[in-house]
Amino acid sequence: MVKGVPCCWHCELCDGYRYQLSEFECELCPLEMRPSTNRTGCRPTPVVKLEWHSAWAVLPLILAVLGILATTSTVLVFIRHNDTPIVRASGRELSYVLLTGIFLIYVITFLMIAEPGAVVCALRRLLLGLGMSITYSALLTKTNRIYRIFETGKRSVTPPRFISPTSQLAITFILISLQVLGALVWLGVEPPHAHVDYEEQRTPNPELARGMLKCDMSDLSIICCLSYSIVLMVTCTVYAVKSRGVPETFNEAKPIGFTMYTTCIIWLAFVPIFFGTAQSAEK
């Protein structure tokens, strides 16, 4: 009723996520619902997820398949020439560990696109940081070995300790086990599950509202999951910088250094882009 004019009424439309409950009242729809077109009731909000046929999924899948094929081919070449001087000089044991980590990094692409569920969410938590931890642990062990060999050689003819293949593998697996332990603790403390998030895509226009089916992994938890890999990467980069003066004939140091420099740049770009992009199923 219009104030001061008792005989007249002024009708107001139910806006936003409200529907017409009665002739005189508007009511807010539940979080998982939106008003119908004529606003006489509520209807379920559509639920979306990343689809396999989506353009956002097809390109990463193609790159992942190519990466898996390239990694598998490299492993087969290593196995075929396992006892040759070149393969043995490359540190074949750590090379196999490194290739395993790279393989897992490509495999996680399929898990990130798969429909969220308890098993998929658990594997995401376990493997998301594991592939990179394996890769950086192997690279860190390699660069640390190179640095210690040449630093010790400046002061003594006695070789440093723990540079044998067995010792290098033991150090690498200890570093990897920390990531595995952290992931297992996370799984035990907070069991994985999928849920529909209706808040992130609750747009001002109800017609555009969507619920997102996703794993219970926040942006912060993903970064925390990857934080150990970042620590390994930074430490490896430090050793790569320290080892940049090794003789040219020792050809592992400089490629590893170049790899770590470019990786740092990629990570510096990834973090702000990841947190700055709009929430969506594609993200």
Protein backbone atom coordinates (compact mmCIF):
# COMPACT_ATOMS: atom_id res chain seq x y z
CA MET A 1 0.00 0.00 0.00
CA VAL A 2 1.36 3.42 -0.93
CA LYS A 3 2.13 5.54 2.12
CA GLY A 4 -0.35 8.35 2.60
CA VAL A 5 -2.75 6.90 0.05
CA PRO A 6 -4.69 4.18 1.94
CA CYS A 7 -6.85 3.26 -1.02
CA CYS A 8 -4.00 2.42 -3.40
CA TRP A 9 -1.51 -0.44 -3.67
CA HIS A 10 1.91 -0.48 -5.30
CA CYS A 11 3.06 -3.87 -6.60
CA GLU A 12 6.73 -4.83 -6.41
CA LEU A 13 8.21 -7.72 -8.33
CA CYS A 14 10.01 -10.45 -6.42
CA ASP A 15 13.59 -9.93 -7.56
CA GLY A 16 16.86 -11.83 -7.23
CA TYR A 17 16.37 -15.34 -5.91
CA ARG A 18 12.95 -14.62 -4.41
CA TYR A 19 9.67 -16.07 -5.58
CA GLN A 20 6.06 -15.03 -4.89
CA LEU A 21 4.95 -16.96 -1.82
CA SER A 22 1.54 -15.29 -1.59
CA GLU A 23 -0.28 -12.23 -2.81
CA PHE A 24 1.63 -10.07 -0.36
CA GLU A 25 4.92 -11.90 0.31
CA CYS A 26 8.16 -12.84 -1.44
CA GLU A 27 10.28 -15.73 -0.18
CA LEU A 28 13.96 -16.53 -0.83
CA CYS A 29 14.64 -19.82 -2.64
CA PRO A 30 16.94 -22.37 -0.92
CA LEU A 31 20.62 -22.20 -1.84
CA GLU A 32 20.43 -25.16 -4.23
CA MET A 33 17.43 -23.72 -6.09
CA ARG A 34 16.46 -20.70 -8.17
CA PRO A 35 13.07 -19.10 -8.91
CA SER A 36 11.01 -20.37 -11.81
CA THR A 37 10.55 -18.19 -14.87
CA ASN A 38 7.21 -16.78 -13.66
CA ARG A 39 8.50 -16.68 -10.04
CA THR A 40 5.65 -18.75 -8.66
CA GLY A 41 8.02 -21.26 -7.07
CA CYS A 42 11.58 -22.60 -7.04
CA ARG A 43 13.32 -25.04 -9.35
CA PRO A 44 16.65 -26.89 -8.98
CA THR A 45 19.77 -25.03 -10.06
CA PRO A 46 21.55 -26.88 -12.92
CA VAL A 47 24.74 -28.66 -11.88
CA VAL A 48 27.77 -28.45 -14.17
CA LYS A 49 31.19 -30.08 -14.28
CA LEU A 50 34.12 -30.19 -16.67
CA GLU A 51 33.15 -32.44 -19.57
CA TRP A 52 35.55 -34.64 -21.54
CA HIS A 53 34.39 -33.09 -24.83
CA SER A 54 34.84 -29.51 -23.60
CA ALA A 55 37.44 -27.40 -25.38
CA TRP A 56 38.96 -26.72 -21.95
CA ALA A 57 39.51 -30.48 -21.55
CA VAL A 58 40.41 -31.59 -25.08
CA LEU A 59 43.61 -29.55 -25.40
CA PRO A 60 45.08 -30.63 -22.02
CA LEU A 61 44.14 -34.24 -22.84
CA ILE A 62 45.93 -34.09 -26.19
CA LEU A 63 49.04 -32.60 -24.57
CA ALA A 64 48.89 -35.19 -21.78
CA VAL A 65 48.66 -38.08 -24.27
CA LEU A 66 51.59 -36.69 -26.26
CA GLY A 67 53.57 -36.29 -23.03
CA ILE A 68 52.79 -39.85 -21.93
CA LEU A 69 53.86 -41.20 -25.33
CA ALA A 70 57.09 -39.19 -25.25
CA THR A 71 57.87 -40.27 -21.69
CA THR A 72 57.10 -43.92 -22.44
CA SER A 73 59.30 -43.78 -25.55
CA THR A 74 62.16 -42.35 -23.50
CA VAL A 75 61.80 -45.10 -20.90
CA LEU A 76 61.86 -47.76 -23.62
CA VAL A 77 65.01 -46.24 -25.12
CA PHE A 78 66.64 -46.22 -21.69
CA ILE A 79 65.68 -49.85 -21.10
CA ARG A 80 66.98 -50.91 -24.50
CA HIS A 81 70.32 -49.16 -23.93
CA ASN A 82 70.37 -49.70 -20.18
CA ASP A 83 74.00 -50.86 -19.98
CA THR A 84 75.54 -48.42 -22.45
CA PRO A 85 78.05 -45.83 -21.16
CA ILE A 86 75.77 -42.89 -22.03
CA VAL A 87 72.80 -44.19 -20.04
CA ARG A 88 74.97 -45.24 -17.12
CA ALA A 89 76.71 -41.85 -17.09
CA SER A 90 73.35 -40.06 -16.98
CA GLY A 91 72.57 -41.66 -13.63
CA ARG A 92 70.10 -44.21 -14.91
CA GLU A 93 68.59 -44.95 -11.50
CA LEU A 94 67.59 -41.34 -10.86
CA SER A 95 66.63 -40.95 -14.51
CA TYR A 96 64.03 -43.69 -14.14
CA VAL A 97 62.70 -41.99 -11.00
CA LEU A 98 62.58 -38.67 -12.85
CA LEU A 99 60.70 -40.20 -15.78
CA THR A 100 58.22 -41.81 -13.37
CA GLY A 101 57.47 -38.39 -11.87
CA ILE A 102 57.00 -36.84 -15.30
CA PHE A 103 54.67 -39.70 -16.27
CA LEU A 104 52.51 -39.12 -13.17
CA ILE A 105 52.31 -35.39 -13.91
CA TYR A 106 50.71 -36.19 -17.26
CA VAL A 107 48.41 -38.86 -15.76
CA ILE A 108 46.95 -36.40 -13.22
CA THR A 109 45.39 -34.54 -16.17
CA PHE A 110 42.87 -37.36 -16.61
CA LEU A 111 41.98 -37.31 -12.91
CA MET A 112 41.43 -33.55 -12.94
CA ILE A 113 38.90 -33.94 -15.77
CA ALA A 114 37.19 -37.10 -14.50
CA GLU A 115 33.83 -36.74 -12.74
CA PRO A 116 34.44 -35.99 -9.04
CA GLY A 117 33.75 -38.82 -6.63
CA ALA A 118 35.30 -40.20 -3.45
CA VAL A 119 37.90 -42.31 -5.31
CA VAL A 120 38.74 -39.62 -7.88
CA CYS A 121 39.05 -36.96 -5.16
CA ALA A 122 41.34 -39.22 -3.11
CA LEU A 123 43.58 -39.89 -6.12
CA ARG A 124 43.69 -36.16 -6.90
CA ARG A 125 44.93 -35.41 -3.40
CA LEU A 126 47.51 -38.20 -3.52
CA LEU A 127 48.86 -37.69 -7.03
CA LEU A 128 48.53 -33.92 -7.51
CA GLY A 129 51.73 -33.17 -5.65
CA LEU A 130 53.34 -36.61 -5.89
CA GLY A 131 54.38 -36.39 -9.54
CA MET A 132 56.12 -33.06 -9.03
CA SER A 133 57.65 -34.21 -5.73
CA ILE A 134 59.16 -37.25 -7.46
CA THR A 135 60.48 -35.09 -10.30
CA TYR A 136 61.98 -32.36 -8.12
CA SER A 137 63.34 -34.87 -5.58
CA ALA A 138 65.29 -36.61 -8.34
CA LEU A 139 66.55 -33.30 -9.75
CA LEU A 140 67.47 -32.02 -6.29
CA THR A 141 69.43 -35.19 -5.52
CA LYS A 142 71.25 -34.87 -8.85
CA THR A 143 72.18 -31.21 -8.40
CA ASN A 144 73.17 -31.76 -4.77
CA ARG A 145 75.46 -34.61 -5.85
CA ILE A 146 77.09 -32.49 -8.55
CA TYR A 147 77.62 -29.59 -6.16
CA ARG A 148 79.11 -31.75 -3.40
CA ILE A 149 81.44 -33.60 -5.78
CA PHE A 150 83.02 -30.43 -7.13
CA GLU A 151 83.01 -28.53 -3.84
CA THR A 152 84.69 -31.44 -2.04
CA GLY A 153 87.13 -31.85 -4.93
CA LYS A 154 88.41 -28.30 -4.34
CA ARG A 155 89.50 -29.18 -0.82
CA SER A 156 90.21 -32.91 -0.81
CA VAL A 157 90.83 -35.92 -3.01
CA THR A 158 88.44 -37.96 -0.87
CA PRO A 159 85.04 -38.29 -2.56
CA PRO A 160 82.00 -37.05 -0.59
CA ARG A 161 79.66 -39.46 1.13
CA PHE A 162 76.34 -40.70 -0.21
CA ILE A 163 77.05 -40.31 -3.94
CA SER A 164 76.57 -43.96 -4.91
CA PRO A 165 73.43 -44.88 -6.90
CA THR A 166 71.99 -46.70 -3.88
CA SER A 167 72.55 -43.70 -1.62
CA GLN A 168 71.05 -41.36 -4.21
CA LEU A 169 67.94 -43.51 -4.51
CA ALA A 170 67.59 -43.68 -0.72
CA ILE A 171 67.80 -39.88 -0.41
CA THR A 172 65.29 -39.44 -3.22
CA PHE A 173 62.77 -41.85 -1.71
CA ILE A 174 63.09 -40.18 1.70
CA LEU A 175 62.23 -36.83 0.09
CA ILE A 176 59.30 -38.40 -1.77
CA SER A 177 58.01 -40.16 1.35
CA LEU A 178 57.43 -36.79 3.04
CA GLN A 179 54.95 -35.83 0.32
CA VAL A 180 53.23 -39.23 0.54
CA LEU A 181 53.02 -38.98 4.33
CA GLY A 182 51.48 -35.50 4.13
CA ALA A 183 48.89 -36.67 1.59
CA LEU A 184 47.97 -39.72 3.70
CA VAL A 185 47.55 -37.56 6.81
CA TRP A 186 45.32 -35.20 4.82
CA LEU A 187 43.21 -38.15 3.63
CA GLY A 188 42.90 -39.45 7.19
CA VAL A 189 42.07 -36.14 8.85
CA GLU A 190 39.68 -34.95 6.15
CA PRO A 191 38.20 -37.85 4.12
CA PRO A 192 37.74 -36.88 0.47
CA HIS A 193 34.32 -36.41 -1.05
CA ALA A 194 32.63 -34.58 -3.89
CA HIS A 195 30.06 -31.86 -3.34
CA VAL A 196 28.05 -29.33 -5.31
CA ASP A 197 29.05 -25.71 -4.72
CA TYR A 198 26.13 -23.38 -5.40
CA GLU A 199 27.72 -20.18 -4.10
CA GLU A 200 30.60 -19.54 -6.52
CA GLN A 201 28.31 -19.39 -9.58
CA ARG A 202 25.33 -17.74 -7.82
CA THR A 203 25.14 -14.85 -10.27
CA PRO A 204 22.86 -11.78 -9.86
CA ASN A 205 20.75 -13.17 -12.71
CA PRO A 206 19.18 -16.45 -11.47
CA GLU A 207 18.91 -17.75 -15.04
CA LEU A 208 22.72 -17.90 -15.23
CA ALA A 209 23.18 -19.57 -11.84
CA ARG A 210 24.94 -22.92 -11.80
CA GLY A 211 26.05 -25.41 -9.18
CA MET A 212 29.55 -26.83 -9.59
CA LEU A 213 30.24 -30.49 -8.88
CA LYS A 214 33.78 -30.65 -7.55
CA CYS A 215 36.08 -32.23 -5.01
CA ASP A 216 36.37 -30.69 -1.57
CA MET A 217 39.69 -29.04 -2.41
CA SER A 218 39.89 -25.28 -1.99
CA ASP A 219 42.40 -23.15 -3.88
CA LEU A 220 44.40 -22.77 -0.68
CA SER A 221 44.49 -26.53 -0.05
CA ILE A 222 45.76 -27.11 -3.60
CA ILE A 223 48.59 -24.63 -3.08
CA CYS A 224 49.37 -26.25 0.29
CA CYS A 225 49.44 -29.64 -1.44
CA LEU A 226 51.95 -28.25 -3.94
CA SER A 227 53.97 -26.27 -1.37
CA TYR A 228 56.39 -29.13 -0.66
CA SER A 229 57.08 -29.41 -4.39
CA ILE A 230 57.73 -25.66 -4.47
CA VAL A 231 60.23 -26.00 -1.61
CA LEU A 232 62.02 -28.80 -3.48
CA MET A 233 62.00 -26.72 -6.67
CA VAL A 234 63.46 -23.63 -4.96
CA THR A 235 66.14 -25.71 -3.21
CA CYS A 236 67.01 -27.40 -6.48
CA THR A 237 67.27 -24.00 -8.17
CA VAL A 238 69.67 -22.80 -5.46
CA TYR A 239 71.93 -25.81 -6.06
CA ALA A 240 71.65 -25.28 -9.82
CA VAL A 241 72.90 -21.71 -9.36
CA LYS A 242 75.75 -22.89 -7.14
CA SER A 243 76.70 -25.56 -9.69
CA ARG A 244 76.73 -23.26 -12.71
CA GLY A 245 80.54 -23.05 -12.66
CA VAL A 246 81.20 -26.77 -13.10
CA PRO A 247 83.34 -27.84 -16.09
CA GLU A 248 81.66 -27.93 -19.50
CA THR A 249 82.30 -31.66 -19.77
CA PHE A 250 79.92 -32.25 -16.86
CA ASN A 251 76.90 -31.62 -19.05
CA GLU A 252 74.08 -32.32 -16.56
CA ALA A 253 74.41 -29.18 -14.45
CA LYS A 254 73.52 -26.53 -17.02
CA PRO A 255 70.44 -28.27 -18.50
CA ILE A 256 69.12 -28.85 -14.99
CA GLY A 257 69.79 -25.20 -14.16
CA PHE A 258 67.98 -24.01 -17.29
CA THR A 259 65.05 -26.30 -16.45
CA MET A 260 64.78 -24.92 -12.93
CA TYR A 261 64.99 -21.27 -14.04
CA THR A 262 62.15 -21.73 -16.53
CA THR A 263 60.13 -23.73 -13.98
CA CYS A 264 60.42 -20.90 -11.44
CA ILE A 265 59.13 -18.42 -14.03
CA ILE A 266 56.19 -20.70 -14.85
CA TRP A 267 55.30 -21.05 -11.16
CA LEU A 268 55.54 -17.28 -10.62
CA ALA A 269 53.00 -16.86 -13.41
CA PHE A 270 50.81 -19.78 -12.34
CA VAL A 271 50.04 -18.73 -8.76
CA PRO A 272 48.56 -15.24 -9.44
CA ILE A 273 46.70 -16.50 -12.53
CA PHE A 274 45.23 -19.43 -10.57
CA PHE A 275 43.98 -17.24 -7.73
CA GLY A 276 42.96 -14.36 -9.99
CA THR A 277 40.76 -16.23 -12.45
CA ALA A 278 37.02 -16.35 -12.01
CA GLN A 279 35.55 -19.42 -10.40
CA SER A 280 34.27 -21.87 -13.00
CA ALA A 281 34.00 -25.57 -13.69
CA GLU A 282 36.91 -25.20 -16.13
CA LYS A 283 39.16 -23.84 -13.39
